[in-house]
């Protein structure tokens, strides 16, 4: 099922990871929320990590959670942020696990899609 609206032409599973990313951001009160979907359909949801000795974006954290849980690949990634574009570091993390064609979706805090690119 593909939905066309302010979200572009996204399927229900892609909308789901945007919703999960948005809820992680709101629930944890962090600058970014992210979610990734692995090759089996499992999702991993994370927020920004800002410790004195460790700083990871939400998307880097979600990718790390997927790797730590045994994921072999990614089908898609989503980040909810005030940023205007997915960062090169976030896209690199997705590319490392999912490959260059993995979709990376960026939505604003309102959940509206701002950018849909590949991990490149």
PDB file of N, CA and C in Angstrom:
ATOM      1  N   UNK A   1       0.835  -1.173   0.000  1.00  0.00           N
ATOM      2  CA  UNK A   1       0.000   0.000   0.000  1.00  0.00           C
ATOM      3  C   UNK A   1       0.883   1.239   0.000  1.00  0.00           C
ATOM      4  N   UNK A   2       0.668   2.134  -0.911  1.00  0.00           N
ATOM      5  CA  UNK A   2       1.414   3.378  -1.006  1.00  0.00           C
ATOM      6  C   UNK A   2       0.457   4.538  -0.743  1.00  0.00           C
ATOM      7  N   UNK A   3       0.880   5.445   0.127  1.00  0.00           N
ATOM      8  CA  UNK A   3       0.055   6.596   0.452  1.00  0.00           C
ATOM      9  C   UNK A   3       0.671   7.832  -0.167  1.00  0.00           C
ATOM     10  N   UNK A   4      -0.145   8.646  -0.794  1.00  0.00           N
ATOM     11  CA  UNK A   4       0.333   9.872  -1.410  1.00  0.00           C
ATOM     12  C   UNK A   4      -0.338  11.053  -0.715  1.00  0.00           C
ATOM     13  N   UNK A   5       0.466  11.932  -0.169  1.00  0.00           N
ATOM     14  CA  UNK A   5      -0.041  13.109   0.537  1.00  0.00           C
ATOM     15  C   UNK A   5       1.137  14.008   0.829  1.00  0.00           C
ATOM     16  N   UNK A   6       1.094  14.673   1.992  1.00  0.00           N
ATOM     17  CA  UNK A   6       2.244  15.477   2.387  1.00  0.00           C
ATOM     18  C   UNK A   6       3.462  14.613   2.646  1.00  0.00           C
ATOM     19  N   UNK A   7       3.280  13.298   2.650  1.00  0.00           N
ATOM     20  CA  UNK A   7       4.381  12.362   2.860  1.00  0.00           C
ATOM     21  C   UNK A   7       4.983  11.867   1.547  1.00  0.00           C
ATOM     22  N   UNK A   8       4.540  12.386   0.430  1.00  0.00           N
ATOM     23  CA  UNK A   8       5.020  11.862  -0.844  1.00  0.00           C
ATOM     24  C   UNK A   8       4.359  10.526  -1.094  1.00  0.00           C
ATOM     25  N   UNK A   9       5.025   9.659  -1.798  1.00  0.00           N
ATOM     26  CA  UNK A   9       4.487   8.330  -2.082  1.00  0.00           C
ATOM     27  C   UNK A   9       5.176   7.311  -1.188  1.00  0.00           C
ATOM     28  N   UNK A  10       4.770   7.265   0.064  1.00  0.00           N
ATOM     29  CA  UNK A  10       5.361   6.340   1.019  1.00  0.00           C
ATOM     30  C   UNK A  10       4.403   5.204   1.322  1.00  0.00           C
ATOM     31  N   UNK A  11       4.973   4.023   1.513  1.00  0.00           N
ATOM     32  CA  UNK A  11       4.173   2.883   1.922  1.00  0.00           C
ATOM     33  C   UNK A  11       3.896   2.928   3.413  1.00  0.00           C
ATOM     34  N   UNK A  12       2.986   2.082   3.842  1.00  0.00           N
ATOM     35  CA  UNK A  12       2.590   2.043   5.245  1.00  0.00           C
ATOM     36  C   UNK A  12       3.772   1.736   6.167  1.00  0.00           C
ATOM     37  N   UNK A  13       4.680   0.882   5.732  1.00  0.00           N
ATOM     38  CA  UNK A  13       5.834   0.533   6.579  1.00  0.00           C
ATOM     39  C   UNK A  13       6.791   1.716   6.743  1.00  0.00           C
ATOM     40  N   UNK A  14       6.921   2.530   5.701  1.00  0.00           N
ATOM     41  CA  UNK A  14       7.763   3.723   5.817  1.00  0.00           C
ATOM     42  C   UNK A  14       7.107   4.768   6.717  1.00  0.00           C
ATOM     43  N   UNK A  15       5.801   4.926   6.598  1.00  0.00           N
ATOM     44  CA  UNK A  15       5.093   5.840   7.482  1.00  0.00           C
ATOM     45  C   UNK A  15       5.208   5.382   8.932  1.00  0.00           C
ATOM     46  N   UNK A  16       5.219   4.069   9.126  1.00  0.00           N
ATOM     47  CA  UNK A  16       5.351   3.519  10.482  1.00  0.00           C
ATOM     48  C   UNK A  16       6.686   3.926  11.103  1.00  0.00           C
ATOM     49  N   UNK A  17       7.789   3.835  10.356  1.00  0.00           N
ATOM     50  CA  UNK A  17       9.067   4.181  10.983  1.00  0.00           C
ATOM     51  C   UNK A  17       9.185   5.689  11.216  1.00  0.00           C
ATOM     52  N   UNK A  18       8.517   6.490  10.395  1.00  0.00           N
ATOM     53  CA  UNK A  18       8.487   7.937  10.675  1.00  0.00           C
ATOM     54  C   UNK A  18       7.726   8.178  11.975  1.00  0.00           C
ATOM     55  N   UNK A  19       6.594   7.507  12.150  1.00  0.00           N
ATOM     56  CA  UNK A  19       5.804   7.657  13.374  1.00  0.00           C
ATOM     57  C   UNK A  19       6.597   7.200  14.593  1.00  0.00           C
ATOM     58  N   UNK A  20       7.300   6.086  14.474  1.00  0.00           N
ATOM     59  CA  UNK A  20       8.114   5.596  15.591  1.00  0.00           C
ATOM     60  C   UNK A  20       9.236   6.582  15.937  1.00  0.00           C
ATOM     61  N   UNK A  21       9.874   7.135  14.914  1.00  0.00           N
ATOM     62  CA  UNK A  21      10.941   8.113  15.137  1.00  0.00           C
ATOM     63  C   UNK A  21      10.394   9.361  15.815  1.00  0.00           C
ATOM     64  N   UNK A  22       9.245   9.796  15.354  1.00  0.00           N
ATOM     65  CA  UNK A  22       8.619  10.984  15.936  1.00  0.00           C
ATOM     66  C   UNK A  22       8.271  10.756  17.404  1.00  0.00           C
ATOM     67  N   UNK A  23       7.744   9.584  17.720  1.00  0.00           N
ATOM     68  CA  UNK A  23       7.366   9.304  19.106  1.00  0.00           C
ATOM     69  C   UNK A  23       8.597   9.183  20.003  1.00  0.00           C
ATOM     70  N   UNK A  24       9.696   8.627  19.486  1.00  0.00           N
ATOM     71  CA  UNK A  24      10.925   8.538  20.285  1.00  0.00           C
ATOM     72  C   UNK A  24      11.451   9.924  20.623  1.00  0.00           C
ATOM     73  N   UNK A  25      11.406  10.818  19.657  1.00  0.00           N
ATOM     74  CA  UNK A  25      11.865  12.194  19.874  1.00  0.00           C
ATOM     75  C   UNK A  25      11.026  12.868  20.953  1.00  0.00           C
ATOM     76  N   UNK A  26       9.715  12.756  20.838  1.00  0.00           N
ATOM     77  CA  UNK A  26       8.817  13.407  21.795  1.00  0.00           C
ATOM     78  C   UNK A  26       8.901  12.767  23.180  1.00  0.00           C
ATOM     79  N   UNK A  27       8.884  11.451  23.225  1.00  0.00           N
ATOM     80  CA  UNK A  27       8.890  10.730  24.497  1.00  0.00           C
ATOM     81  C   UNK A  27      10.154  10.999  25.299  1.00  0.00           C
ATOM     82  N   UNK A  28      11.285  11.065  24.616  1.00  0.00           N
ATOM     83  CA  UNK A  28      12.568  11.217  25.308  1.00  0.00           C
ATOM     84  C   UNK A  28      13.033  12.664  25.402  1.00  0.00           C
ATOM     85  N   UNK A  29      12.319  13.577  24.775  1.00  0.00           N
ATOM     86  CA  UNK A  29      12.694  14.983  24.833  1.00  0.00           C
ATOM     87  C   UNK A  29      14.073  15.259  24.270  1.00  0.00           C
ATOM     88  N   UNK A  30      14.392  14.599  23.158  1.00  0.00           N
ATOM     89  CA  UNK A  30      15.714  14.744  22.524  1.00  0.00           C
ATOM     90  C   UNK A  30      15.567  15.479  21.188  1.00  0.00           C
ATOM     91  N   UNK A  31      16.676  16.022  20.671  1.00  0.00           N
ATOM     92  CA  UNK A  31      16.602  16.777  19.415  1.00  0.00           C
ATOM     93  C   UNK A  31      16.156  15.964  18.199  1.00  0.00           C
ATOM     94  N   UNK A  32      16.473  14.672  18.204  1.00  0.00           N
ATOM     95  CA  UNK A  32      16.136  13.812  17.061  1.00  0.00           C
ATOM     96  C   UNK A  32      15.601  12.480  17.550  1.00  0.00           C
ATOM     97  N   UNK A  33      14.730  11.901  16.748  1.00  0.00           N
ATOM     98  CA  UNK A  33      14.287  10.530  16.929  1.00  0.00           C
ATOM     99  C   UNK A  33      14.516   9.805  15.618  1.00  0.00           C
ATOM    100  N   UNK A  34      14.786   8.523  15.682  1.00  0.00           N
ATOM    101  CA  UNK A  34      15.042   7.758  14.457  1.00  0.00           C
ATOM    102  C   UNK A  34      14.513   6.344  14.607  1.00  0.00           C
ATOM    103  N   UNK A  35      14.266   5.727  13.470  1.00  0.00           N
ATOM    104  CA  UNK A  35      13.870   4.322  13.427  1.00  0.00           C
ATOM    105  C   UNK A  35      14.414   3.723  12.142  1.00  0.00           C
ATOM    106  N   UNK A  36      14.844   2.478  12.228  1.00  0.00           N
ATOM    107  CA  UNK A  36      15.290   1.738  11.055  1.00  0.00           C
ATOM    108  C   UNK A  36      14.537   0.412  11.005  1.00  0.00           C
ATOM    109  N   UNK A  37      14.383  -0.115   9.795  1.00  0.00           N
ATOM    110  CA  UNK A  37      13.737  -1.406   9.585  1.00  0.00           C
ATOM    111  C   UNK A  37      14.752  -2.344   8.949  1.00  0.00           C
ATOM    112  N   UNK A  38      14.950  -3.514   9.568  1.00  0.00           N
ATOM    113  CA  UNK A  38      15.947  -4.443   9.023  1.00  0.00           C
ATOM    114  C   UNK A  38      15.341  -5.362   7.972  1.00  0.00           C
ATOM    115  N   UNK A  39      16.155  -6.275   7.473  1.00  0.00           N
ATOM    116  CA  UNK A  39      15.761  -7.155   6.372  1.00  0.00           C
ATOM    117  C   UNK A  39      14.642  -8.118   6.748  1.00  0.00           C
ATOM    118  N   UNK A  40      14.378  -8.300   8.038  1.00  0.00           N
ATOM    119  CA  UNK A  40      13.301  -9.191   8.463  1.00  0.00           C
ATOM    120  C   UNK A  40      12.037  -8.421   8.845  1.00  0.00           C
ATOM    121  N   UNK A  41      12.099  -7.088   8.762  1.00  0.00           N
ATOM    122  CA  UNK A  41      10.960  -6.262   9.122  1.00  0.00           C
ATOM    123  C   UNK A  41      10.984  -5.763  10.555  1.00  0.00           C
ATOM    124  N   UNK A  42      11.979  -6.185  11.340  1.00  0.00           N
ATOM    125  CA  UNK A  42      12.087  -5.679  12.716  1.00  0.00           C
ATOM    126  C   UNK A  42      12.481  -4.209  12.687  1.00  0.00           C
ATOM    127  N   UNK A  43      11.985  -3.466  13.667  1.00  0.00           N
ATOM    128  CA  UNK A  43      12.320  -2.047  13.759  1.00  0.00           C
ATOM    129  C   UNK A  43      13.131  -1.776  15.017  1.00  0.00           C
ATOM    130  N   UNK A  44      13.975  -0.768  14.922  1.00  0.00           N
ATOM    131  CA  UNK A  44      14.821  -0.326  16.021  1.00  0.00           C
ATOM    132  C   UNK A  44      14.629   1.176  16.125  1.00  0.00           C
ATOM    133  N   UNK A  45      14.301   1.646  17.318  1.00  0.00           N
ATOM    134  CA  UNK A  45      13.941   3.037  17.539  1.00  0.00           C
ATOM    135  C   UNK A  45      14.903   3.633  18.553  1.00  0.00           C
ATOM    136  N   UNK A  46      15.342   4.869  18.290  1.00  0.00           N
ATOM    137  CA  UNK A  46      16.306   5.501  19.189  1.00  0.00           C
ATOM    138  C   UNK A  46      16.176   7.006  19.161  1.00  0.00           C
ATOM    139  N   UNK A  47      16.758   7.619  20.159  1.00  0.00           N
ATOM    140  CA  UNK A  47      16.869   9.069  20.222  1.00  0.00           C
ATOM    141  C   UNK A  47      18.335   9.461  20.240  1.00  0.00           C
ATOM    142  N   UNK A  48      18.568  10.739  20.185  1.00  0.00           N
ATOM    143  CA  UNK A  48      19.916  11.281  20.249  1.00  0.00           C
ATOM    144  C   UNK A  48      20.572  10.869  21.562  1.00  0.00           C
ATOM    145  N   UNK A  49      21.872  10.525  21.517  1.00  0.00           N
ATOM    146  CA  UNK A  49      22.646  10.208  22.721  1.00  0.00           C
ATOM    147  C   UNK A  49      23.665  11.323  22.910  1.00  0.00           C
ATOM    148  N   UNK A  50      23.584  11.994  24.044  1.00  0.00           N
ATOM    149  CA  UNK A  50      24.529  13.067  24.341  1.00  0.00           C
ATOM    150  C   UNK A  50      25.066  12.890  25.753  1.00  0.00           C
ATOM    151  N   UNK A  51      26.121  12.111  25.858  1.00  0.00           N
ATOM    152  CA  UNK A  51      26.826  11.925  27.119  1.00  0.00           C
ATOM    153  C   UNK A  51      28.146  12.680  27.030  1.00  0.00           C
ATOM    154  N   UNK A  52      28.777  12.849  28.141  1.00  0.00           N
ATOM    155  CA  UNK A  52      30.063  13.536  28.115  1.00  0.00           C
ATOM    156  C   UNK A  52      31.078  12.801  27.241  1.00  0.00           C
ATOM    157  N   UNK A  53      31.039  11.477  27.296  1.00  0.00           N
ATOM    158  CA  UNK A  53      32.039  10.696  26.562  1.00  0.00           C
ATOM    159  C   UNK A  53      31.508  10.053  25.277  1.00  0.00           C
ATOM    160  N   UNK A  54      30.229  10.232  24.967  1.00  0.00           N
ATOM    161  CA  UNK A  54      29.647   9.579  23.794  1.00  0.00           C
ATOM    162  C   UNK A  54      28.551  10.450  23.208  1.00  0.00           C
ATOM    163  N   UNK A  55      28.678  10.787  21.940  1.00  0.00           N
ATOM    164  CA  UNK A  55      27.668  11.577  21.243  1.00  0.00           C
ATOM    165  C   UNK A  55      27.322  10.867  19.932  1.00  0.00           C
ATOM    166  N   UNK A  56      26.051  10.487  19.813  1.00  0.00           N
ATOM    167  CA  UNK A  56      25.564   9.823  18.601  1.00  0.00           C
ATOM    168  C   UNK A  56      24.258  10.465  18.188  1.00  0.00           C
ATOM    169  N   UNK A  57      24.080  10.617  16.897  1.00  0.00           N
ATOM    170  CA  UNK A  57      22.781  11.068  16.411  1.00  0.00           C
ATOM    171  C   UNK A  57      21.779   9.952  16.644  1.00  0.00           C
ATOM    172  N   UNK A  58      20.511  10.287  16.556  1.00  0.00           N
ATOM    173  CA  UNK A  58      19.469   9.282  16.733  1.00  0.00           C
ATOM    174  C   UNK A  58      19.591   8.174  15.681  1.00  0.00           C
ATOM    175  N   UNK A  59      19.886   8.553  14.443  1.00  0.00           N
ATOM    176  CA  UNK A  59      19.980   7.542  13.386  1.00  0.00           C
ATOM    177  C   UNK A  59      21.201   6.643  13.586  1.00  0.00           C
ATOM    178  N   UNK A  60      22.318   7.207  14.000  1.00  0.00           N
ATOM    179  CA  UNK A  60      23.493   6.384  14.302  1.00  0.00           C
ATOM    180  C   UNK A  60      23.178   5.407  15.433  1.00  0.00           C
ATOM    181  N   UNK A  61      22.439   5.866  16.441  1.00  0.00           N
ATOM    182  CA  UNK A  61      22.074   5.001  17.559  1.00  0.00           C
ATOM    183  C   UNK A  61      21.148   3.881  17.104  1.00  0.00           C
ATOM    184  N   UNK A  62      20.174   4.192  16.260  1.00  0.00           N
ATOM    185  CA  UNK A  62      19.253   3.165  15.760  1.00  0.00           C
ATOM    186  C   UNK A  62      19.997   2.122  14.922  1.00  0.00           C
ATOM    187  N   UNK A  63      20.934   2.571  14.090  1.00  0.00           N
ATOM    188  CA  UNK A  63      21.732   1.627  13.293  1.00  0.00           C
ATOM    189  C   UNK A  63      22.571   0.751  14.222  1.00  0.00           C
ATOM    190  N   UNK A  64      23.185   1.346  15.238  1.00  0.00           N
ATOM    191  CA  UNK A  64      23.985   0.571  16.191  1.00  0.00           C
ATOM    192  C   UNK A  64      23.129  -0.464  16.915  1.00  0.00           C
ATOM    193  N   UNK A  65      21.905  -0.096  17.275  1.00  0.00           N
ATOM    194  CA  UNK A  65      21.002  -1.046  17.926  1.00  0.00           C
ATOM    195  C   UNK A  65      20.671  -2.210  16.997  1.00  0.00           C
ATOM    196  N   UNK A  66      20.462  -1.913  15.719  1.00  0.00           N
ATOM    197  CA  UNK A  66      20.171  -2.969  14.751  1.00  0.00           C
ATOM    198  C   UNK A  66      21.355  -3.918  14.620  1.00  0.00           C
ATOM    199  N   UNK A  67      22.552  -3.354  14.506  1.00  0.00           N
ATOM    200  CA  UNK A  67      23.763  -4.188  14.394  1.00  0.00           C
ATOM    201  C   UNK A  67      23.930  -5.045  15.643  1.00  0.00           C
ATOM    202  N   UNK A  68      23.768  -4.425  16.816  1.00  0.00           N
ATOM    203  CA  UNK A  68      23.939  -5.152  18.076  1.00  0.00           C
ATOM    204  C   UNK A  68      22.903  -6.257  18.249  1.00  0.00           C
ATOM    205  N   UNK A  69      21.767  -6.129  17.556  1.00  0.00           N
ATOM    206  CA  UNK A  69      20.711  -7.141  17.637  1.00  0.00           C
ATOM    207  C   UNK A  69      20.813  -8.192  16.549  1.00  0.00           C
ATOM    208  N   UNK A  70      21.845  -8.100  15.711  1.00  0.00           N
ATOM    209  CA  UNK A  70      22.077  -9.127  14.700  1.00  0.00           C
ATOM    210  C   UNK A  70      21.531  -8.836  13.319  1.00  0.00           C
ATOM    211  N   UNK A  71      21.060  -7.633  13.071  1.00  0.00           N
ATOM    212  CA  UNK A  71      20.561  -7.306  11.730  1.00  0.00           C
ATOM    213  C   UNK A  71      21.688  -7.444  10.709  1.00  0.00           C
ATOM    214  N   UNK A  72      21.344  -7.962   9.554  1.00  0.00           N
ATOM    215  CA  UNK A  72      22.322  -8.142   8.480  1.00  0.00           C
ATOM    216  C   UNK A  72      22.241  -7.041   7.434  1.00  0.00           C
ATOM    217  N   UNK A  73      21.090  -6.345   7.378  1.00  0.00           N
ATOM    218  CA  UNK A  73      20.873  -5.318   6.376  1.00  0.00           C
ATOM    219  C   UNK A  73      19.731  -4.416   6.832  1.00  0.00           C
ATOM    220  N   UNK A  74      19.553  -3.306   6.154  1.00  0.00           N
ATOM    221  CA  UNK A  74      18.441  -2.405   6.429  1.00  0.00           C
ATOM    222  C   UNK A  74      17.592  -2.239   5.181  1.00  0.00           C
ATOM    223  N   UNK A  75      16.288  -2.153   5.379  1.00  0.00           N
ATOM    224  CA  UNK A  75      15.369  -1.859   4.281  1.00  0.00           C
ATOM    225  C   UNK A  75      15.112  -0.372   4.155  1.00  0.00           C
ATOM    226  N   UNK A  76      15.077   0.341   5.298  1.00  0.00           N
ATOM    227  CA  UNK A  76      14.783   1.774   5.287  1.00  0.00           C
ATOM    228  C   UNK A  76      15.157   2.388   6.618  1.00  0.00           C
ATOM    229  N   UNK A  77      15.329   3.706   6.599  1.00  0.00           N
ATOM    230  CA  UNK A  77      15.653   4.460   7.805  1.00  0.00           C
ATOM    231  C   UNK A  77      14.872   5.762   7.794  1.00  0.00           C
ATOM    232  N   UNK A  78      14.504   6.231   8.985  1.00  0.00           N
ATOM    233  CA  UNK A  78      13.801   7.504   9.110  1.00  0.00           C
ATOM    234  C   UNK A  78      14.356   8.269  10.292  1.00  0.00           C
ATOM    235  N   UNK A  79      14.440   9.572  10.137  1.00  0.00           N
ATOM    236  CA  UNK A  79      14.852  10.455  11.231  1.00  0.00           C
ATOM    237  C   UNK A  79      13.885  11.630  11.284  1.00  0.00           C
ATOM    238  N   UNK A  80      13.523  12.019  12.499  1.00  0.00           N
ATOM    239  CA  UNK A  80      12.683  13.188  12.716  1.00  0.00           C
ATOM    240  C   UNK A  80      13.547  14.221  13.409  1.00  0.00           C
ATOM    241  N   UNK A  81      13.646  15.393  12.782  1.00  0.00           N
ATOM    242  CA  UNK A  81      14.583  16.405  13.235  1.00  0.00           C
ATOM    243  C   UNK A  81      14.162  17.773  12.722  1.00  0.00           C
ATOM    244  N   UNK A  82      14.755  18.807  13.289  1.00  0.00           N
ATOM    245  CA  UNK A  82      14.585  20.158  12.756  1.00  0.00           C
ATOM    246  C   UNK A  82      15.531  20.424  11.592  1.00  0.00           C
ATOM    247  N   UNK A  83      16.448  19.500  11.340  1.00  0.00           N
ATOM    248  CA  UNK A  83      17.440  19.670  10.276  1.00  0.00           C
ATOM    249  C   UNK A  83      16.762  19.748   8.910  1.00  0.00           C
ATOM    250  N   UNK A  84      17.438  20.394   7.981  1.00  0.00           N
ATOM    251  CA  UNK A  84      16.912  20.515   6.633  1.00  0.00           C
ATOM    252  C   UNK A  84      17.287  19.364   5.717  1.00  0.00           C
ATOM    253  N   UNK A  85      18.252  18.556   6.151  1.00  0.00           N
ATOM    254  CA  UNK A  85      18.713  17.425   5.332  1.00  0.00           C
ATOM    255  C   UNK A  85      19.325  16.365   6.244  1.00  0.00           C
ATOM    256  N   UNK A  86      19.307  15.118   5.771  1.00  0.00           N
ATOM    257  CA  UNK A  86      19.981  14.046   6.499  1.00  0.00           C
ATOM    258  C   UNK A  86      21.477  14.293   6.435  1.00  0.00           C
ATOM    259  N   UNK A  87      22.151  14.175   7.566  1.00  0.00           N
ATOM    260  CA  UNK A  87      23.588  14.472   7.602  1.00  0.00           C
ATOM    261  C   UNK A  87      24.380  13.406   6.856  1.00  0.00           C
ATOM    262  N   UNK A  88      25.555  13.773   6.337  1.00  0.00           N
ATOM    263  CA  UNK A  88      26.416  12.787   5.681  1.00  0.00           C
ATOM    264  C   UNK A  88      26.792  11.641   6.620  1.00  0.00           C
ATOM    265  N   UNK A  89      26.981  11.933   7.905  1.00  0.00           N
ATOM    266  CA  UNK A  89      27.341  10.888   8.872  1.00  0.00           C
ATOM    267  C   UNK A  89      26.191   9.904   9.066  1.00  0.00           C
ATOM    268  N   UNK A  90      24.959  10.420   9.117  1.00  0.00           N
ATOM    269  CA  UNK A  90      23.796   9.536   9.245  1.00  0.00           C
ATOM    270  C   UNK A  90      23.637   8.660   8.010  1.00  0.00           C
ATOM    271  N   UNK A  91      23.771   9.263   6.852  1.00  0.00           N
ATOM    272  CA  UNK A  91      23.649   8.494   5.612  1.00  0.00           C
ATOM    273  C   UNK A  91      24.746   7.434   5.521  1.00  0.00           C
ATOM    274  N   UNK A  92      25.952   7.751   5.992  1.00  0.00           N
ATOM    275  CA  UNK A  92      27.054   6.782   5.979  1.00  0.00           C
ATOM    276  C   UNK A  92      26.748   5.596   6.888  1.00  0.00           C
ATOM    277  N   UNK A  93      26.180   5.852   8.066  1.00  0.00           N
ATOM    278  CA  UNK A  93      25.847   4.760   8.979  1.00  0.00           C
ATOM    279  C   UNK A  93      24.813   3.832   8.349  1.00  0.00           C
ATOM    280  N   UNK A  94      23.810   4.403   7.710  1.00  0.00           N
ATOM    281  CA  UNK A  94      22.779   3.596   7.032  1.00  0.00           C
ATOM    282  C   UNK A  94      23.413   2.821   5.878  1.00  0.00           C
ATOM    283  N   UNK A  95      24.263   3.475   5.111  1.00  0.00           N
ATOM    284  CA  UNK A  95      24.933   2.835   3.972  1.00  0.00           C
ATOM    285  C   UNK A  95      25.798   1.657   4.425  1.00  0.00           C
ATOM    286  N   UNK A  96      26.489   1.808   5.546  1.00  0.00           N
ATOM    287  CA  UNK A  96      27.354   0.742   6.049  1.00  0.00           C
ATOM    288  C   UNK A  96      26.596  -0.564   6.277  1.00  0.00           C
ATOM    289  N   UNK A  97      25.355  -0.463   6.753  1.00  0.00           N
ATOM    290  CA  UNK A  97      24.584  -1.676   7.021  1.00  0.00           C
ATOM    291  C   UNK A  97      23.620  -2.017   5.889  1.00  0.00           C
ATOM    292  N   UNK A  98      23.027  -1.001   5.277  1.00  0.00           N
ATOM    293  CA  UNK A  98      21.987  -1.267   4.293  1.00  0.00           C
ATOM    294  C   UNK A  98      22.412  -1.185   2.841  1.00  0.00           C
ATOM    295  N   UNK A  99      23.529  -0.527   2.582  1.00  0.00           N
ATOM    296  CA  UNK A  99      23.963  -0.336   1.203  1.00  0.00           C
ATOM    297  C   UNK A  99      23.547   1.029   0.685  1.00  0.00           C
ATOM    298  N   UNK A 100      24.095   1.429  -0.462  1.00  0.00           N
ATOM    299  CA  UNK A 100      23.886   2.784  -0.977  1.00  0.00           C
ATOM    300  C   UNK A 100      22.462   3.086  -1.435  1.00  0.00           C
ATOM    301  N   UNK A 101      21.664   2.086  -1.727  1.00  0.00           N
ATOM    302  CA  UNK A 101      20.295   2.319  -2.214  1.00  0.00           C
ATOM    303  C   UNK A 101      19.254   2.361  -1.102  1.00  0.00           C
ATOM    304  N   UNK A 102      19.660   2.187   0.143  1.00  0.00           N
ATOM    305  CA  UNK A 102      18.716   2.195   1.256  1.00  0.00           C
ATOM    306  C   UNK A 102      18.063   3.566   1.397  1.00  0.00           C
ATOM    307  N   UNK A 103      16.735   3.645   1.416  1.00  0.00           N
ATOM    308  CA  UNK A 103      16.060   4.927   1.579  1.00  0.00           C
ATOM    309  C   UNK A 103      16.302   5.525   2.966  1.00  0.00           C
ATOM    310  N   UNK A 104      16.558   6.827   2.993  1.00  0.00           N
ATOM    311  CA  UNK A 104      16.688   7.584   4.237  1.00  0.00           C
ATOM    312  C   UNK A 104      15.637   8.688   4.173  1.00  0.00           C
ATOM    313  N   UNK A 105      14.696   8.638   5.097  1.00  0.00           N
ATOM    314  CA  UNK A 105      13.585   9.576   5.128  1.00  0.00           C
ATOM    315  C   UNK A 105      13.806  10.583   6.245  1.00  0.00           C
ATOM    316  N   UNK A 106      13.671  11.850   5.941  1.00  0.00           N
ATOM    317  CA  UNK A 106      13.779  12.909   6.944  1.00  0.00           C
ATOM    318  C   UNK A 106      12.436  13.592   7.065  1.00  0.00           C
ATOM    319  N   UNK A 107      11.911  13.620   8.285  1.00  0.00           N
ATOM    320  CA  UNK A 107      10.646  14.303   8.545  1.00  0.00           C
ATOM    321  C   UNK A 107      10.871  15.367   9.608  1.00  0.00           C
ATOM    322  N   UNK A 108      10.030  16.383   9.568  1.00  0.00           N
ATOM    323  CA  UNK A 108      10.068  17.413  10.590  1.00  0.00           C
ATOM    324  C   UNK A 108       9.365  16.937  11.847  1.00  0.00           C
ATOM    325  N   UNK A 109       9.442  17.711  12.919  1.00  0.00           N
ATOM    326  CA  UNK A 109       8.772  17.339  14.167  1.00  0.00           C
ATOM    327  C   UNK A 109       7.267  17.131  14.021  1.00  0.00           C
ATOM    328  N   UNK A 110       6.675  17.727  12.994  1.00  0.00           N
ATOM    329  CA  UNK A 110       5.245  17.545  12.733  1.00  0.00           C
ATOM    330  C   UNK A 110       4.954  16.237  11.997  1.00  0.00           C
ATOM    331  N   UNK A 111       6.000  15.500  11.635  1.00  0.00           N
ATOM    332  CA  UNK A 111       5.840  14.233  10.941  1.00  0.00           C
ATOM    333  C   UNK A 111       5.793  14.334   9.441  1.00  0.00           C
ATOM    334  N   UNK A 112       5.802  15.554   8.902  1.00  0.00           N
ATOM    335  CA  UNK A 112       5.738  15.722   7.450  1.00  0.00           C
ATOM    336  C   UNK A 112       7.108  15.447   6.821  1.00  0.00           C
ATOM    337  N   UNK A 113       7.087  14.690   5.744  1.00  0.00           N
ATOM    338  CA  UNK A 113       8.310  14.346   5.028  1.00  0.00           C
ATOM    339  C   UNK A 113       8.960  15.593   4.450  1.00  0.00           C
ATOM    340  N   UNK A 114      10.249  15.773   4.730  1.00  0.00           N
ATOM    341  CA  UNK A 114      11.016  16.893   4.175  1.00  0.00           C
ATOM    342  C   UNK A 114      11.958  16.441   3.071  1.00  0.00           C
ATOM    343  N   UNK A 115      12.447  15.220   3.207  1.00  0.00           N
ATOM    344  CA  UNK A 115      13.458  14.733   2.253  1.00  0.00           C
ATOM    345  C   UNK A 115      13.405  13.208   2.220  1.00  0.00           C
ATOM    346  N   UNK A 116      13.531  12.669   1.024  1.00  0.00           N
ATOM    347  CA  UNK A 116      13.660  11.219   0.843  1.00  0.00           C
ATOM    348  C   UNK A 116      14.835  11.026  -0.104  1.00  0.00           C
ATOM    349  N   UNK A 117      15.920  10.478   0.419  1.00  0.00           N
ATOM    350  CA  UNK A 117      17.134  10.263  -0.360  1.00  0.00           C
ATOM    351  C   UNK A 117      17.585   8.821  -0.150  1.00  0.00           C
ATOM    352  N   UNK A 118      18.602   8.430  -0.853  1.00  0.00           N
ATOM    353  CA  UNK A 118      19.217   7.128  -0.573  1.00  0.00           C
ATOM    354  C   UNK A 118      20.450   7.363   0.291  1.00  0.00           C
ATOM    355  N   UNK A 119      20.916   6.294   0.891  1.00  0.00           N
ATOM    356  CA  UNK A 119      22.106   6.394   1.751  1.00  0.00           C
ATOM    357  C   UNK A 119      23.332   6.786   0.949  1.00  0.00           C
ATOM    358  N   UNK A 120      23.271   6.518  -0.372  1.00  0.00           N
ATOM    359  CA  UNK A 120      24.301   6.966  -1.308  1.00  0.00           C
ATOM    360  C   UNK A 120      25.624   6.458  -1.016  1.00  0.00           C
TER     361      UNK A 120
END
